[in-house]
Amino acid sequence: MGVAHLLSLAVSYGMLTDHLPILEYFLRDKAARGQHIKAILLLIDLDFFGKQPWTNSNINSFLSPELTGESPVRYWWRYLTAFQFRLWRDVVRAGLATRREKSITSAVNPVGSAEAVERVDKVGSTPIPAAGVRPGALDSRALQGFRRSWNSLRPDLENQLSKLERFVSLCRDNGVQLTIATSPMIRENLDLHEPGMIDALAARISKIAPLWDFNSPPLIASRKEYWLGVSHFDSAAGKMMIGRMFGDSDVYVPAGFGQLRAGAGKPM
């Protein structure tokens, strides 16, 4: 990227609702110091993009006063006097529900029974477990279908696309070199989304700014040696991404790994 100093700003379950306030703060701060941000690499997780963000929702995700303009006294007072009523309430409710499920299951669906009771949701054809049915009794395809339907819910999609447009315009107006990429996804994760959904999300993003898409095609999705788990790729995959985006000739990059999408969203 041609920079002398690099700052990592990773955020757990981070989305544009986190990244945009951070960018706005740094632009203000650098301008006040007579300094300049040269380049930014924005990595987007498409399996989360558009889902309900955690930003400012609990004591683990409050944005700092420097980002929001909130009074520091109020900010720290919230932490010192945190009473997580909703969290505790939900934990108690979940515990009581588990007890009820166990008692109903023992009466309706005894251990050892291979029969699964299902109902069809009125909205679609995805089998949903009826009350009292052990999760293990459900067919794996039914569970996968349920997860696909859940992953299709993106209530914050338009808001995050709007914030991405703002992010891109701020970089352009302030002479910041912006590189945007999508995190590659493991096969197990890809299969929990409706066919074409991840590609469609990448296409929409690429209409806002050029996008390095590391899921089209998903060349390492089934290569276990590149994964630390179902969510995180390893350093070898990361080096290949850097090599593909910035032309590092010392790193081996498989042919076709990482496609630059722009304009109409089609790989280049």
Foldseek 3Di string as FASTA:
>chain_A
DPDDDDDDDDDVLDALVPVLLVVVLVVVVQVVVVHAAAADEAEAALLSALADGCACVALRHDDACSSVVDDNVVNVVCVVPPDPVVVVVVVVVVVVLVVVLVVLLCVPPNPPDLDFDWDADPVDGQTDGDRNGDPVSDDVVSVLVVLQVVSVDRNRNVVRLVSVLVVVVVCVVRNYHYAYEYDQFAPVSVSSHDPPPSLVSLQSSQQSDKYWYQVVPNPCNDPVVQDPDRGDGDVLVVVLVCCVVPVDPVRDHPPPGIFIAHNRSDGD
